[in-house]
Full PDB file with SEQRES, HELIX, SHEET, SSBOND, CRYST1, ORIGX, SCALE, CONECT and MASTER records, all heavy atoms in Angstrom:
SEQRES   1 A   37  ARG ASN TYR GLN ALA ARG ASN MET LEU ARG ASP ASP PHE          
SEQRES   2 A   37  ARG LYS GLY ASP LEU ALA PHE ILE TYR HIS SER SER ALA          
SEQRES   3 A   37  ASP GLU LEU GLY ILE ALA GLY THR MET GLN VAL                  
HELIX    1 AA1 TYR A    3  ASN A    7  1                                   5    
HELIX    2 AA2 MET A    8  ASP A   12  3                                   5    
SHEET    1 AA1 2 LEU A  18  HIS A  23  0                                        
SHEET    2 AA1 2 GLY A  30  GLN A  36 -1                                        
CRYST1    1.000    1.000    1.000  90.00  90.00  90.00 P 1           1          
ORIGX1      1.000000  0.000000  0.000000        0.00000                         
ORIGX2      0.000000  1.000000  0.000000        0.00000                         
ORIGX3      0.000000  0.000000  1.000000        0.00000                         
SCALE1      1.000000  0.000000  0.000000        0.00000                         
SCALE2      0.000000  1.000000  0.000000        0.00000                         
SCALE3      0.000000  0.000000  1.000000        0.00000                         
ATOM      1  N   ARG A   1     124.208 140.283  85.951  1.00  0.00           N  
ATOM      2  CA  ARG A   1     124.959 139.336  86.727  1.00  0.00           C  
ATOM      3  C   ARG A   1     126.483 139.251  86.182  1.00  0.00           C  
ATOM      4  O   ARG A   1     126.971 138.066  86.126  1.00  0.00           O  
ATOM      5  CB  ARG A   1     124.303 137.984  86.640  1.00  0.00           C  
ATOM      6  CG  ARG A   1     122.924 137.909  87.278  1.00  0.00           C  
ATOM      7  CD  ARG A   1     122.938 138.285  88.733  1.00  0.00           C  
ATOM      8  NE  ARG A   1     121.751 138.301  89.498  1.00  0.00           N  
ATOM      9  CZ  ARG A   1     120.943 139.266  89.759  1.00  0.00           C  
ATOM     10  NH1 ARG A   1     121.330 140.522  89.285  1.00  0.00           N  
ATOM     11  NH2 ARG A   1     119.839 139.143  90.328  1.00  0.00           N  
ATOM     12  N   ASN A   2     126.997 140.375  86.004  1.00  0.00           N  
ATOM     13  CA  ASN A   2     128.398 140.423  85.584  1.00  0.00           C  
ATOM     14  C   ASN A   2     128.994 141.438  86.531  1.00  0.00           C  
ATOM     15  O   ASN A   2     128.423 142.592  86.678  1.00  0.00           O  
ATOM     16  CB  ASN A   2     128.577 140.899  84.094  1.00  0.00           C  
ATOM     17  CG  ASN A   2     130.029 141.216  83.796  1.00  0.00           C  
ATOM     18  OD1 ASN A   2     130.546 142.198  84.027  1.00  0.00           O  
ATOM     19  ND2 ASN A   2     130.575 140.287  83.031  1.00  0.00           N  
ATOM     20  N   TYR A   3     130.178 141.108  87.167  1.00  0.00           N  
ATOM     21  CA  TYR A   3     130.675 141.972  88.174  1.00  0.00           C  
ATOM     22  C   TYR A   3     131.166 143.317  87.599  1.00  0.00           C  
ATOM     23  O   TYR A   3     130.919 144.309  88.279  1.00  0.00           O  
ATOM     24  CB  TYR A   3     131.844 141.324  88.921  1.00  0.00           C  
ATOM     25  CG  TYR A   3     131.261 140.204  89.803  1.00  0.00           C  
ATOM     26  CD1 TYR A   3     131.475 138.895  89.526  1.00  0.00           C  
ATOM     27  CD2 TYR A   3     130.679 140.560  91.040  1.00  0.00           C  
ATOM     28  CE1 TYR A   3     131.017 137.895  90.403  1.00  0.00           C  
ATOM     29  CE2 TYR A   3     130.192 139.588  91.933  1.00  0.00           C  
ATOM     30  CZ  TYR A   3     130.259 138.275  91.537  1.00  0.00           C  
ATOM     31  OH  TYR A   3     129.851 137.255  92.364  1.00  0.00           O  
ATOM     32  N   GLN A   4     131.814 143.336  86.427  1.00  0.00           N  
ATOM     33  CA  GLN A   4     132.234 144.548  85.882  1.00  0.00           C  
ATOM     34  C   GLN A   4     130.990 145.559  85.604  1.00  0.00           C  
ATOM     35  O   GLN A   4     131.108 146.746  85.881  1.00  0.00           O  
ATOM     36  CB  GLN A   4     133.000 144.307  84.605  1.00  0.00           C  
ATOM     37  CG  GLN A   4     133.724 145.531  84.096  1.00  0.00           C  
ATOM     38  CD  GLN A   4     134.661 145.240  82.990  1.00  0.00           C  
ATOM     39  OE1 GLN A   4     134.817 144.086  82.509  1.00  0.00           O  
ATOM     40  NE2 GLN A   4     135.291 146.272  82.337  1.00  0.00           N  
ATOM     41  N   ALA A   5     129.983 144.920  84.926  1.00  0.00           N  
ATOM     42  CA  ALA A   5     128.777 145.688  84.652  1.00  0.00           C  
ATOM     43  C   ALA A   5     128.138 146.178  86.051  1.00  0.00           C  
ATOM     44  O   ALA A   5     127.611 147.368  86.111  1.00  0.00           O  
ATOM     45  CB  ALA A   5     127.732 144.967  83.870  1.00  0.00           C  
ATOM     46  N   ARG A   6     128.084 145.286  87.043  1.00  0.00           N  
ATOM     47  CA  ARG A   6     127.462 145.631  88.245  1.00  0.00           C  
ATOM     48  C   ARG A   6     128.299 146.818  89.012  1.00  0.00           C  
ATOM     49  O   ARG A   6     127.734 147.752  89.484  1.00  0.00           O  
ATOM     50  CB  ARG A   6     127.589 144.494  89.242  1.00  0.00           C  
ATOM     51  CG  ARG A   6     126.878 144.589  90.609  1.00  0.00           C  
ATOM     52  CD  ARG A   6     127.746 145.004  91.778  1.00  0.00           C  
ATOM     53  NE  ARG A   6     129.127 144.670  91.810  1.00  0.00           N  
ATOM     54  CZ  ARG A   6     129.714 143.701  92.638  1.00  0.00           C  
ATOM     55  NH1 ARG A   6     129.033 142.990  93.432  1.00  0.00           N  
ATOM     56  NH2 ARG A   6     131.042 143.595  92.723  1.00  0.00           N  
ATOM     57  N   ASN A   7     129.617 146.827  88.835  1.00  0.00           N  
ATOM     58  CA  ASN A   7     130.397 147.876  89.454  1.00  0.00           C  
ATOM     59  C   ASN A   7     130.043 149.208  88.703  1.00  0.00           C  
ATOM     60  O   ASN A   7     130.102 150.178  89.465  1.00  0.00           O  
ATOM     61  CB  ASN A   7     131.896 147.608  89.332  1.00  0.00           C  
ATOM     62  CG  ASN A   7     132.337 146.420  90.175  1.00  0.00           C  
ATOM     63  OD1 ASN A   7     131.483 145.995  91.073  1.00  0.00           O  
ATOM     64  ND2 ASN A   7     133.492 145.826  90.052  1.00  0.00           N  
ATOM     65  N   MET A   8     129.864 149.181  87.422  1.00  0.00           N  
ATOM     66  CA  MET A   8     129.492 150.424  86.736  1.00  0.00           C  
ATOM     67  C   MET A   8     128.120 151.031  87.234  1.00  0.00           C  
ATOM     68  O   MET A   8     128.006 152.158  87.529  1.00  0.00           O  
ATOM     69  CB  MET A   8     129.558 150.235  85.258  1.00  0.00           C  
ATOM     70  CG  MET A   8     130.826 150.293  84.610  1.00  0.00           C  
ATOM     71  SD  MET A   8     130.812 150.121  82.732  1.00  0.00           S  
ATOM     72  CE  MET A   8     130.793 148.449  82.491  1.00  0.00           C  
ATOM     73  N   LEU A   9     127.297 150.093  87.425  1.00  0.00           N  
ATOM     74  CA  LEU A   9     125.817 150.495  87.904  1.00  0.00           C  
ATOM     75  C   LEU A   9     126.047 151.011  89.383  1.00  0.00           C  
ATOM     76  O   LEU A   9     125.448 152.106  89.584  1.00  0.00           O  
ATOM     77  CB  LEU A   9     124.995 149.255  87.945  1.00  0.00           C  
ATOM     78  CG  LEU A   9     124.290 148.782  86.655  1.00  0.00           C  
ATOM     79  CD1 LEU A   9     123.488 147.523  86.872  1.00  0.00           C  
ATOM     80  CD2 LEU A   9     123.409 149.865  86.024  1.00  0.00           C  
ATOM     81  N   ARG A  10     126.773 150.345  90.103  1.00  0.00           N  
ATOM     82  CA  ARG A  10     126.915 150.755  91.508  1.00  0.00           C  
ATOM     83  C   ARG A  10     127.769 152.066  91.675  1.00  0.00           C  
ATOM     84  O   ARG A  10     127.446 152.938  92.412  1.00  0.00           O  
ATOM     85  CB  ARG A  10     127.546 149.643  92.239  1.00  0.00           C  
ATOM     86  CG  ARG A  10     127.703 149.867  93.711  1.00  0.00           C  
ATOM     87  CD  ARG A  10     128.494 148.767  94.385  1.00  0.00           C  
ATOM     88  NE  ARG A  10     129.914 148.929  93.936  1.00  0.00           N  
ATOM     89  CZ  ARG A  10     130.817 147.950  93.981  1.00  0.00           C  
ATOM     90  NH1 ARG A  10     130.454 146.663  94.368  1.00  0.00           N  
ATOM     91  NH2 ARG A  10     132.033 148.035  93.546  1.00  0.00           N  
ATOM     92  N   ASP A  11     128.884 152.107  90.914  1.00  0.00           N  
ATOM     93  CA  ASP A  11     129.895 153.106  91.270  1.00  0.00           C  
ATOM     94  C   ASP A  11     129.860 154.318  90.300  1.00  0.00           C  
ATOM     95  O   ASP A  11     130.144 155.442  90.659  1.00  0.00           O  
ATOM     96  CB  ASP A  11     131.313 152.652  91.215  1.00  0.00           C  
ATOM     97  CG  ASP A  11     131.483 151.405  92.187  1.00  0.00           C  
ATOM     98  OD1 ASP A  11     130.868 151.433  93.161  1.00  0.00           O  
ATOM     99  OD2 ASP A  11     132.345 150.591  91.855  1.00  0.00           O  
ATOM    100  N   ASP A  12     129.270 154.159  89.138  1.00  0.00           N  
ATOM    101  CA  ASP A  12     129.374 155.273  88.095  1.00  0.00           C  
ATOM    102  C   ASP A  12     128.112 155.816  87.652  1.00  0.00           C  
ATOM    103  O   ASP A  12     128.095 156.873  87.124  1.00  0.00           O  
ATOM    104  CB  ASP A  12     130.206 154.668  86.888  1.00  0.00           C  
ATOM    105  CG  ASP A  12     131.595 154.179  87.221  1.00  0.00           C  
ATOM    106  OD1 ASP A  12     132.188 154.829  88.111  1.00  0.00           O  
ATOM    107  OD2 ASP A  12     132.076 153.162  86.651  1.00  0.00           O  
ATOM    108  N   PHE A  13     126.946 154.982  87.628  1.00  0.00           N  
ATOM    109  CA  PHE A  13     125.719 155.480  87.121  1.00  0.00           C  
ATOM    110  C   PHE A  13     125.232 156.556  88.172  1.00  0.00           C  
ATOM    111  O   PHE A  13     125.319 156.411  89.319  1.00  0.00           O  
ATOM    112  CB  PHE A  13     124.653 154.362  87.089  1.00  0.00           C  
ATOM    113  CG  PHE A  13     124.674 153.693  85.802  1.00  0.00           C  
ATOM    114  CD1 PHE A  13     125.731 153.162  85.272  1.00  0.00           C  
ATOM    115  CD2 PHE A  13     123.628 153.698  85.011  1.00  0.00           C  
ATOM    116  CE1 PHE A  13     125.832 152.446  84.098  1.00  0.00           C  
ATOM    117  CE2 PHE A  13     123.494 153.046  83.743  1.00  0.00           C  
ATOM    118  CZ  PHE A  13     124.677 152.386  83.309  1.00  0.00           C  
ATOM    119  N   ARG A  14     124.615 157.627  87.727  1.00  0.00           N  
ATOM    120  CA  ARG A  14     124.152 158.748  88.422  1.00  0.00           C  
ATOM    121  C   ARG A  14     122.803 158.965  87.898  1.00  0.00           C  
ATOM    122  O   ARG A  14     122.480 159.039  86.647  1.00  0.00           O  
ATOM    123  CB  ARG A  14     124.920 160.007  88.372  1.00  0.00           C  
ATOM    124  CG  ARG A  14     126.400 159.679  88.889  1.00  0.00           C  
ATOM    125  CD  ARG A  14     126.379 159.656  90.434  1.00  0.00           C  
ATOM    126  NE  ARG A  14     127.702 159.377  90.951  1.00  0.00           N  
ATOM    127  CZ  ARG A  14     128.222 158.200  91.243  1.00  0.00           C  
ATOM    128  NH1 ARG A  14     127.515 157.072  91.112  1.00  0.00           N  
ATOM    129  NH2 ARG A  14     129.479 158.026  91.630  1.00  0.00           N  
ATOM    130  N   LYS A  15     121.771 159.595  88.750  1.00  0.00           N  
ATOM    131  CA  LYS A  15     120.576 160.046  88.364  1.00  0.00           C  
ATOM    132  C   LYS A  15     120.829 161.064  87.379  1.00  0.00           C  
ATOM    133  O   LYS A  15     121.625 162.071  87.571  1.00  0.00           O  
ATOM    134  CB  LYS A  15     119.744 160.479  89.564  1.00  0.00           C  
ATOM    135  CG  LYS A  15     118.404 160.987  89.296  1.00  0.00           C  
ATOM    136  CD  LYS A  15     117.667 161.428  90.623  1.00  0.00           C  
ATOM    137  CE  LYS A  15     116.317 161.855  90.254  1.00  0.00           C  
ATOM    138  NZ  LYS A  15     115.558 162.336  91.401  1.00  0.00           N  
ATOM    139  N   GLY A  16     119.967 161.123  86.256  1.00  0.00           N  
ATOM    140  CA  GLY A  16     120.274 162.046  85.175  1.00  0.00           C  
ATOM    141  C   GLY A  16     121.080 161.510  83.991  1.00  0.00           C  
ATOM    142  O   GLY A  16     121.108 162.146  82.923  1.00  0.00           O  
ATOM    143  N   ASP A  17     121.871 160.584  84.257  1.00  0.00           N  
ATOM    144  CA  ASP A  17     122.721 159.887  83.033  1.00  0.00           C  
ATOM    145  C   ASP A  17     121.715 159.523  82.039  1.00  0.00           C  
ATOM    146  O   ASP A  17     120.606 159.173  82.196  1.00  0.00           O  
ATOM    147  CB  ASP A  17     123.536 158.697  83.611  1.00  0.00           C  
ATOM    148  CG  ASP A  17     124.747 159.182  84.417  1.00  0.00           C  
ATOM    149  OD1 ASP A  17     124.984 160.306  84.622  1.00  0.00           O  
ATOM    150  OD2 ASP A  17     125.452 158.252  84.885  1.00  0.00           O  
ATOM    151  N   LEU A  18     122.180 159.388  80.772  1.00  0.00           N  
ATOM    152  CA  LEU A  18     121.460 158.963  79.656  1.00  0.00           C  
ATOM    153  C   LEU A  18     122.113 157.602  79.110  1.00  0.00           C  
ATOM    154  O   LEU A  18     123.285 157.442  79.222  1.00  0.00           O  
ATOM    155  CB  LEU A  18     121.394 160.086  78.555  1.00  0.00           C  
ATOM    156  CG  LEU A  18     120.753 161.339  78.965  1.00  0.00           C  
ATOM    157  CD1 LEU A  18     120.840 162.321  77.821  1.00  0.00           C  
ATOM    158  CD2 LEU A  18     119.227 161.052  79.142  1.00  0.00           C  
ATOM    159  N   ALA A  19     121.161 156.870  78.566  1.00  0.00           N  
ATOM    160  CA  ALA A  19     121.650 155.556  78.036  1.00  0.00           C  
ATOM    161  C   ALA A  19     120.925 155.277  76.730  1.00  0.00           C  
ATOM    162  O   ALA A  19     119.704 155.602  76.643  1.00  0.00           O  
ATOM    163  CB  ALA A  19     121.530 154.424  79.088  1.00  0.00           C  
ATOM    164  N   PHE A  20     121.623 154.598  75.806  1.00  0.00           N  
ATOM    165  CA  PHE A  20     120.892 154.020  74.659  1.00  0.00           C  
ATOM    166  C   PHE A  20     120.449 152.579  75.090  1.00  0.00           C  
ATOM    167  O   PHE A  20     121.136 151.946  75.856  1.00  0.00           O  
ATOM    168  CB  PHE A  20     121.927 153.747  73.531  1.00  0.00           C  
ATOM    169  CG  PHE A  20     122.506 154.970  72.825  1.00  0.00           C  
ATOM    170  CD1 PHE A  20     123.773 155.266  72.818  1.00  0.00           C  
ATOM    171  CD2 PHE A  20     121.589 155.838  72.217  1.00  0.00           C  
ATOM    172  CE1 PHE A  20     124.320 156.396  72.089  1.00  0.00           C  
ATOM    173  CE2 PHE A  20     122.100 156.857  71.499  1.00  0.00           C  
ATOM    174  CZ  PHE A  20     123.358 157.226  71.473  1.00  0.00           C  
ATOM    175  N   ILE A  21     119.250 152.273  74.648  1.00  0.00           N  
ATOM    176  CA  ILE A  21     118.684 150.900  74.855  1.00  0.00           C  
ATOM    177  C   ILE A  21     119.066 150.127  73.514  1.00  0.00           C  
ATOM    178  O   ILE A  21     118.604 150.548  72.483  1.00  0.00           O  
ATOM    179  CB  ILE A  21     117.244 151.001  75.204  1.00  0.00           C  
ATOM    180  CG1 ILE A  21     116.698 149.543  75.414  1.00  0.00           C  
ATOM    181  CG2 ILE A  21     116.324 151.561  74.137  1.00  0.00           C  
ATOM    182  CD1 ILE A  21     115.388 149.496  76.167  1.00  0.00           C  
ATOM    183  N   TYR A  22     119.906 149.117  73.799  1.00  0.00           N  
ATOM    184  CA  TYR A  22     120.389 148.356  72.713  1.00  0.00           C  
ATOM    185  C   TYR A  22     119.758 146.956  72.715  1.00  0.00           C  
ATOM    186  O   TYR A  22     119.846 146.273  73.691  1.00  0.00           O  
ATOM    187  CB  TYR A  22     121.849 148.182  72.784  1.00  0.00           C  
ATOM    188  CG  TYR A  22     122.470 147.385  71.701  1.00  0.00           C  
ATOM    189  CD1 TYR A  22     122.949 148.011  70.566  1.00  0.00           C  
ATOM    190  CD2 TYR A  22     122.696 146.105  71.691  1.00  0.00           C  
ATOM    191  CE1 TYR A  22     123.482 147.304  69.511  1.00  0.00           C  
ATOM    192  CE2 TYR A  22     123.263 145.299  70.761  1.00  0.00           C  
ATOM    193  CZ  TYR A  22     123.740 145.942  69.634  1.00  0.00           C  
ATOM    194  OH  TYR A  22     124.319 145.200  68.581  1.00  0.00           O  
ATOM    195  N   HIS A  23     119.143 146.591  71.470  1.00  0.00           N  
ATOM    196  CA  HIS A  23     118.420 145.319  71.379  1.00  0.00           C  
ATOM    197  C   HIS A  23     119.531 144.232  70.915  1.00  0.00           C  
ATOM    198  O   HIS A  23     120.039 144.408  69.923  1.00  0.00           O  
ATOM    199  CB  HIS A  23     117.325 145.219  70.482  1.00  0.00           C  
ATOM    200  CG  HIS A  23     116.140 146.060  71.001  1.00  0.00           C  
ATOM    201  ND1 HIS A  23     115.014 146.206  70.205  1.00  0.00           N  
ATOM    202  CD2 HIS A  23     115.775 146.430  72.297  1.00  0.00           C  
ATOM    203  CE1 HIS A  23     114.008 146.757  70.924  1.00  0.00           C  
ATOM    204  NE2 HIS A  23     114.560 146.929  72.289  1.00  0.00           N  
ATOM    205  N   SER A  24     119.759 143.282  71.690  1.00  0.00           N  
ATOM    206  CA  SER A  24     120.735 142.146  71.386  1.00  0.00           C  
ATOM    207  C   SER A  24     119.983 140.899  71.366  1.00  0.00           C  
ATOM    208  O   SER A  24     118.651 140.802  71.727  1.00  0.00           O  
ATOM    209  CB  SER A  24     121.888 141.962  72.626  1.00  0.00           C  
ATOM    210  OG  SER A  24     121.271 141.657  73.783  1.00  0.00           O  
ATOM    211  N   SER A  25     120.547 139.793  70.855  1.00  0.00           N  
ATOM    212  CA  SER A  25     119.923 138.560  70.593  1.00  0.00           C  
ATOM    213  C   SER A  25     118.549 138.689  70.026  1.00  0.00           C  
ATOM    214  O   SER A  25     117.617 138.201  70.496  1.00  0.00           O  
ATOM    215  CB  SER A  25     119.740 137.832  72.064  1.00  0.00           C  
ATOM    216  OG  SER A  25     121.033 137.634  72.523  1.00  0.00           O  
ATOM    217  N   ALA A  26     118.559 139.433  68.905  1.00  0.00           N  
ATOM    218  CA  ALA A  26     117.322 139.783  68.098  1.00  0.00           C  
ATOM    219  C   ALA A  26     117.593 139.608  66.659  1.00  0.00           C  
ATOM    220  O   ALA A  26     118.797 139.506  66.206  1.00  0.00           O  
ATOM    221  CB  ALA A  26     116.883 141.109  68.576  1.00  0.00           C  
ATOM    222  N   ASP A  27     116.519 139.631  65.916  1.00  0.00           N  
ATOM    223  CA  ASP A  27     116.712 139.579  64.500  1.00  0.00           C  
ATOM    224  C   ASP A  27     117.360 140.865  63.915  1.00  0.00           C  
ATOM    225  O   ASP A  27     118.111 140.863  63.023  1.00  0.00           O  
ATOM    226  CB  ASP A  27     115.364 139.417  63.664  1.00  0.00           C  
ATOM    227  CG  ASP A  27     114.697 138.132  63.879  1.00  0.00           C  
ATOM    228  OD1 ASP A  27     115.387 137.168  64.281  1.00  0.00           O  
ATOM    229  OD2 ASP A  27     113.469 137.943  63.904  1.00  0.00           O  
ATOM    230  N   GLU A  28     117.106 141.970  64.598  1.00  0.00           N  
ATOM    231  CA  GLU A  28     117.688 143.304  64.199  1.00  0.00           C  
ATOM    232  C   GLU A  28     118.301 143.845  65.463  1.00  0.00           C  
ATOM    233  O   GLU A  28     117.828 144.406  66.395  1.00  0.00           O  
ATOM    234  CB  GLU A  28     116.472 144.323  63.821  1.00  0.00           C  
ATOM    235  CG  GLU A  28     117.055 145.498  63.170  1.00  0.00           C  
ATOM    236  CD  GLU A  28     115.950 146.347  62.649  1.00  0.00           C  
ATOM    237  OE1 GLU A  28     114.900 146.523  63.238  1.00  0.00           O  
ATOM    238  OE2 GLU A  28     116.126 146.812  61.425  1.00  0.00           O  
ATOM    239  N   LEU A  29     119.800 143.589  65.441  1.00  0.00           N  
ATOM    240  CA  LEU A  29     120.565 144.043  66.491  1.00  0.00           C  
ATOM    241  C   LEU A  29     120.801 145.569  66.415  1.00  0.00           C  
ATOM    242  O   LEU A  29     121.114 146.010  65.244  1.00  0.00           O  
ATOM    243  CB  LEU A  29     121.918 143.452  66.525  1.00  0.00           C  
ATOM    244  CG  LEU A  29     121.930 141.842  66.543  1.00  0.00           C  
ATOM    245  CD1 LEU A  29     123.450 141.391  66.410  1.00  0.00           C  
ATOM    246  CD2 LEU A  29     121.405 141.414  67.807  1.00  0.00           C  
ATOM    247  N   GLY A  30     120.597 146.344  67.466  1.00  0.00           N  
ATOM    248  CA  GLY A  30     120.987 147.759  67.305  1.00  0.00           C  
ATOM    249  C   GLY A  30     120.270 148.590  68.358  1.00  0.00           C  
ATOM    250  O   GLY A  30     119.580 148.061  69.314  1.00  0.00           O  
ATOM    251  N   ILE A  31     120.448 149.943  68.227  1.00  0.00           N  
ATOM    252  CA  ILE A  31     119.991 150.888  69.240  1.00  0.00           C  
ATOM    253  C   ILE A  31     118.561 151.263  68.964  1.00  0.00           C  
ATOM    254  O   ILE A  31     118.242 151.691  67.735  1.00  0.00           O  
ATOM    255  CB  ILE A  31     120.871 152.075  69.246  1.00  0.00           C  
ATOM    256  CG1 ILE A  31     122.312 151.681  69.661  1.00  0.00           C  
ATOM    257  CG2 ILE A  31     120.361 153.150  70.163  1.00  0.00           C  
ATOM    258  CD1 ILE A  31     123.360 152.727  69.510  1.00  0.00           C  
ATOM    259  N   ALA A  32     117.569 151.061  69.801  1.00  0.00           N  
ATOM    260  CA  ALA A  32     116.170 151.285  69.657  1.00  0.00           C  
ATOM    261  C   ALA A  32     115.627 152.592  70.252  1.00  0.00           C  
ATOM    262  O   ALA A  32     114.557 152.911  69.989  1.00  0.00           O  
ATOM    263  CB  ALA A  32     115.411 150.078  70.215  1.00  0.00           C  
ATOM    264  N   GLY A  33     116.448 153.257  71.141  1.00  0.00           N  
ATOM    265  CA  GLY A  33     115.965 154.590  71.753  1.00  0.00           C  
ATOM    266  C   GLY A  33     116.968 154.958  72.861  1.00  0.00           C  
ATOM    267  O   GLY A  33     117.980 154.326  72.993  1.00  0.00           O  
ATOM    268  N   THR A  34     116.487 156.000  73.567  1.00  0.00           N  
ATOM    269  CA  THR A  34     117.319 156.497  74.669  1.00  0.00           C  
ATOM    270  C   THR A  34     116.424 156.452  75.994  1.00  0.00           C  
ATOM    271  O   THR A  34     115.172 156.465  75.914  1.00  0.00           O  
ATOM    272  CB  THR A  34     117.619 157.925  74.481  1.00  0.00           C  
ATOM    273  OG1 THR A  34     116.533 158.772  74.300  1.00  0.00           O  
ATOM    274  CG2 THR A  34     118.590 158.054  73.144  1.00  0.00           C  
ATOM    275  N   MET A  35     117.137 156.302  77.043  1.00  0.00           N  
ATOM    276  CA  MET A  35     116.531 156.418  78.348  1.00  0.00           C  
ATOM    277  C   MET A  35     117.322 157.111  79.321  1.00  0.00           C  
ATOM    278  O   MET A  35     118.520 157.359  79.119  1.00  0.00           O  
ATOM    279  CB  MET A  35     116.145 154.998  78.821  1.00  0.00           C  
ATOM    280  CG  MET A  35     117.223 153.978  78.815  1.00  0.00           C  
ATOM    281  SD  MET A  35     116.807 152.349  78.972  1.00  0.00           S  
ATOM    282  CE  MET A  35     118.365 151.479  79.136  1.00  0.00           C  
ATOM    283  N   GLN A  36     116.746 157.462  80.461  1.00  0.00           N  
ATOM    284  CA  GLN A  36     117.440 158.312  81.420  1.00  0.00           C  
ATOM    285  C   GLN A  36     117.461 157.500  82.777  1.00  0.00           C  
ATOM    286  O   GLN A  36     116.360 156.861  83.110  1.00  0.00           O  
ATOM    287  CB  GLN A  36     116.752 159.595  81.653  1.00  0.00           C  
ATOM    288  CG  GLN A  36     117.515 160.574  82.560  1.00  0.00           C  
ATOM    289  CD  GLN A  36     117.001 161.943  82.490  1.00  0.00           C  
ATOM    290  OE1 GLN A  36     115.826 162.211  82.317  1.00  0.00           O  
ATOM    291  NE2 GLN A  36     117.853 162.976  82.709  1.00  0.00           N  
ATOM    292  N   VAL A  37     118.454 157.597  83.460  1.00  0.00           N  
ATOM    293  CA  VAL A  37     118.549 157.053  84.770  1.00  0.00           C  
ATOM    294  C   VAL A  37     117.737 157.953  85.811  1.00  0.00           C  
ATOM    295  O   VAL A  37     118.077 159.178  85.886  1.00  0.00           O  
ATOM    296  CB  VAL A  37     120.066 156.821  85.311  1.00  0.00           C  
ATOM    297  CG1 VAL A  37     120.082 156.301  86.753  1.00  0.00           C  
ATOM    298  CG2 VAL A  37     120.786 155.930  84.435  1.00  0.00           C  
TER     299      VAL A  37                                                      
MASTER        0    0    0    2    2    0    0    6  298    1    0    3          
END                                                                             
């Protein structure tokens, strides 16, 4: 629900892109793995 993030999802994300899954608002902040669009 942020327009800048929405615009990236809408305009820049492509099938096959890779992303880190980052845990925020947690006891241990950080990157927990990878995922693919």
